[in-house]
Amino acid sequence: MKYFGATRRSSAPPSRAPRFYRDHQIGPSMSMMMDNVSIIIYPIEYSKKAHPDHWKKGQTEMDSTRGRVVDHVGFSVDNLAEALEMLRKAGVKVTDEIKSVAGGKIKYAFIEGPDKIRIELVEGQATKE
């Protein structure tokens, strides 16, 4: 949240108290805004109750989004190596190291976000020549 410039949607301090909607735990949750995108992270209990068929016997955490219809979300960064170093120091797991495409004009890497959401970090952009 700090690195990408996301802001909390609410100015009230976050609450750790459980909140329920139609017998599904929806809080505590985190709701952030970045540009025009609203990112809501629900507690794992919501997924367990709303989608019980997705939970295998004894499963305790979310599966990675890799290979799913919505595989990942992506963010642009000015300096990919610097961003990865800062995120590593903050304890963020880097799942795919820096790779490049378009003759080195575009660099990208993947990190693991909350609940194993894949996040792609991209530096550079392709230009028509």
Protein backbone atom coordinates (compact mmCIF):
# COMPACT_ATOMS: atom_id res chain seq x y z
CA MET A 1 0.00 0.00 0.00
CA LYS A 2 2.80 2.41 0.91
CA TYR A 3 4.89 1.70 -2.17
CA PHE A 4 2.11 1.88 -4.79
CA GLY A 5 0.43 5.00 -3.43
CA ALA A 6 -2.81 3.24 -2.51
CA THR A 7 -4.90 4.98 0.11
CA ARG A 8 -7.47 3.64 2.55
CA ARG A 9 -11.03 4.35 1.45
CA SER A 10 -12.05 5.27 4.97
CA SER A 11 -10.54 7.87 7.25
CA ALA A 12 -11.67 5.96 10.36
CA PRO A 13 -9.04 3.81 12.06
CA PRO A 14 -9.18 0.15 10.96
CA SER A 15 -11.13 -2.17 13.24
CA ARG A 16 -10.11 -5.73 14.10
CA ALA A 17 -13.66 -6.57 15.25
CA PRO A 18 -15.38 -9.30 13.21
CA ARG A 19 -18.25 -8.01 11.04
CA PHE A 20 -20.94 -10.20 9.46
CA TYR A 21 -23.31 -9.89 6.52
CA ARG A 22 -25.90 -12.63 5.99
CA ASP A 23 -23.97 -14.98 8.28
CA HIS A 24 -20.72 -14.46 6.30
CA GLN A 25 -17.78 -12.79 8.01
CA ILE A 26 -16.79 -9.80 5.90
CA GLY A 27 -14.57 -8.05 8.40
CA PRO A 28 -12.09 -7.14 9.47
CA SER A 29 -11.29 -6.26 5.87
CA MET A 30 -9.06 -3.78 4.11
CA SER A 31 -10.37 -1.45 1.42
CA MET A 32 -7.95 0.66 -0.62
CA MET A 33 -8.17 2.95 -3.64
CA MET A 34 -5.51 3.34 -6.29
CA ASP A 35 -6.30 5.49 -9.31
CA ASN A 36 -9.88 4.41 -10.08
CA VAL A 37 -9.48 0.86 -8.78
CA SER A 38 -11.00 -0.24 -5.51
CA ILE A 39 -9.16 -3.14 -3.87
CA ILE A 40 -11.00 -4.99 -1.12
CA ILE A 41 -9.29 -7.73 0.86
CA TYR A 42 -11.78 -9.83 2.85
CA PRO A 43 -10.91 -12.12 5.76
CA ILE A 44 -10.23 -15.74 4.87
CA GLU A 45 -13.30 -16.74 6.89
CA TYR A 46 -15.49 -15.17 4.19
CA SER A 47 -14.07 -17.47 1.54
CA LYS A 48 -14.38 -20.52 3.77
CA LYS A 49 -18.10 -19.95 4.37
CA ALA A 50 -19.08 -18.47 0.97
CA HIS A 51 -17.18 -21.09 -1.06
CA PRO A 52 -16.90 -24.24 1.09
CA ASP A 53 -16.38 -26.48 -1.96
CA HIS A 54 -13.09 -24.68 -2.69
CA TRP A 55 -11.60 -25.73 0.65
CA LYS A 56 -10.02 -29.15 0.81
CA LYS A 57 -10.04 -31.13 4.02
CA GLY A 58 -7.41 -29.64 6.28
CA GLN A 59 -6.61 -26.68 4.01
CA THR A 60 -5.61 -23.66 6.09
CA GLU A 61 -4.66 -20.99 3.53
CA MET A 62 -5.63 -19.69 0.11
CA ASP A 63 -4.28 -21.28 -3.07
CA SER A 64 -2.19 -19.19 -5.44
CA THR A 65 -4.06 -17.36 -8.20
CA ARG A 66 -1.48 -18.62 -10.74
CA GLY A 67 -3.17 -20.28 -13.71
CA ARG A 68 -6.67 -19.04 -12.81
CA VAL A 69 -8.94 -16.92 -15.02
CA VAL A 70 -7.83 -13.86 -13.07
CA ASP A 71 -4.19 -14.86 -12.70
CA HIS A 72 -2.74 -11.61 -11.34
CA VAL A 73 -2.93 -7.84 -11.05
CA GLY A 74 -0.15 -5.59 -12.31
CA PHE A 75 1.40 -2.31 -11.30
CA SER A 76 3.94 -0.07 -13.05
CA VAL A 77 7.10 0.94 -11.22
CA ASP A 78 9.87 3.35 -12.23
CA ASN A 79 12.76 1.14 -11.11
CA LEU A 80 11.96 -2.57 -10.83
CA ALA A 81 15.21 -3.66 -9.14
CA GLU A 82 14.85 -0.93 -6.51
CA ALA A 83 11.17 -1.77 -5.93
CA LEU A 84 11.92 -5.49 -5.46
CA GLU A 85 14.74 -4.75 -3.03
CA MET A 86 12.52 -2.50 -0.93
CA LEU A 87 9.68 -5.04 -0.94
CA ARG A 88 12.04 -7.88 0.01
CA LYS A 89 13.30 -5.84 2.97
CA ALA A 90 9.66 -5.38 4.03
CA GLY A 91 9.18 -9.17 4.00
CA VAL A 92 7.31 -9.48 0.70
CA LYS A 93 7.85 -12.80 -1.11
CA VAL A 94 9.27 -12.46 -4.65
CA THR A 95 7.91 -15.42 -6.65
CA ASP A 96 9.41 -14.69 -10.11
CA GLU A 97 12.65 -12.76 -10.49
CA ILE A 98 13.19 -9.99 -13.08
CA LYS A 99 12.73 -11.00 -16.72
CA SER A 100 12.62 -8.82 -19.82
CA VAL A 101 10.78 -8.73 -23.14
CA ALA A 102 10.64 -6.45 -26.18
CA GLY A 103 14.40 -6.38 -26.51
CA GLY A 104 14.85 -5.41 -22.87
CA LYS A 105 12.47 -2.42 -23.07
CA ILE A 106 10.05 -4.04 -20.63
CA LYS A 107 11.12 -5.70 -17.38
CA TYR A 108 8.76 -7.56 -15.09
CA ALA A 109 8.73 -9.66 -11.92
CA PHE A 110 6.06 -11.16 -9.66
CA ILE A 111 5.49 -10.85 -5.93
CA GLU A 112 2.98 -12.57 -3.66
CA GLY A 113 0.33 -10.31 -2.17
CA PRO A 114 -2.26 -10.95 0.52
CA ASP A 115 -3.88 -14.40 0.37
CA LYS A 116 -1.38 -15.51 -2.32
CA ILE A 117 -2.60 -13.02 -4.95
CA ARG A 118 0.02 -12.75 -7.71
CA ILE A 119 1.11 -9.17 -8.34
CA GLU A 120 3.13 -8.29 -11.42
CA LEU A 121 5.51 -5.33 -11.26
CA VAL A 122 6.42 -3.83 -14.65
CA GLU A 123 9.12 -1.31 -15.60
CA GLY A 124 9.13 0.32 -19.03
CA GLN A 125 6.74 0.22 -21.93
CA ALA A 126 6.80 -0.89 -25.52
CA THR A 127 6.91 1.81 -28.19
CA LYS A 128 6.08 1.54 -31.83
CA GLU A 129 9.20 1.99 -33.96
